[in-house]
Amino acid sequence: MLLSFRSGFLAVVSAFLLCFAASPAQASTQVLSTGYGSYLASNQTSVLEFSYAVTQRNGVVQGLGIWQGPGSVTVFRVDSAVYLSDGETLAFAGVVVAIFGTPPPNGATVGGTVFTAFQDNGFGPADQTVSLSAVPPGFGNLTAQQIIGLIGEPPPQAFRPLLTGNVWIR
């Protein structure tokens, strides 16, 4: 199932990139990050993949993320990004646009905000970590900057090492 999911994700990413690559207004975008990886959370393997998160000339961040856990697939739009104080971690926030299957254990809901952060400490999965969480619905839609302002940067124990995959951070 992961292989077919990954193939579908790559098709979505390709379509996303083709739409923006052909537009002259998007010509001076800056790629922030791309990647995928599997990791263990609550003793179960989850997969997180995301498209090129890009900063447009006007400062707007655009991208797409997909989280696949046991019995659930969550699709979210990336709306904001911020580098954390260590300079090797990039945090994203975005709105959940769809959930397929059972509700995810992280509490994400359609229309709610998810927050994810990646650390790229070297080459290969063993040096890269991921953290993914949902913002409680009562807070509304928040940017990555607002989330960090409210609760601070994710603590080291919130990050899980990648088992497979690769994350690239500019």
Foldseek 3Di string as FASTA:
>chain_A
DVVVVVVVVVVVLVVVCVVLVPDPQQVPKDFFKFKKFWFDDPNWIKIKGKHGFIQGPVRWTWIKMWIGTVFKIWIWIWTAWDQDPVNQKIKTKTATCDMGGDDDPLPHDHQWMKMKMKGQQDDFQQRIKMAIHTDPPVVGGDTNVVVCVVPNDDDPVRITTGPHMDMDGD
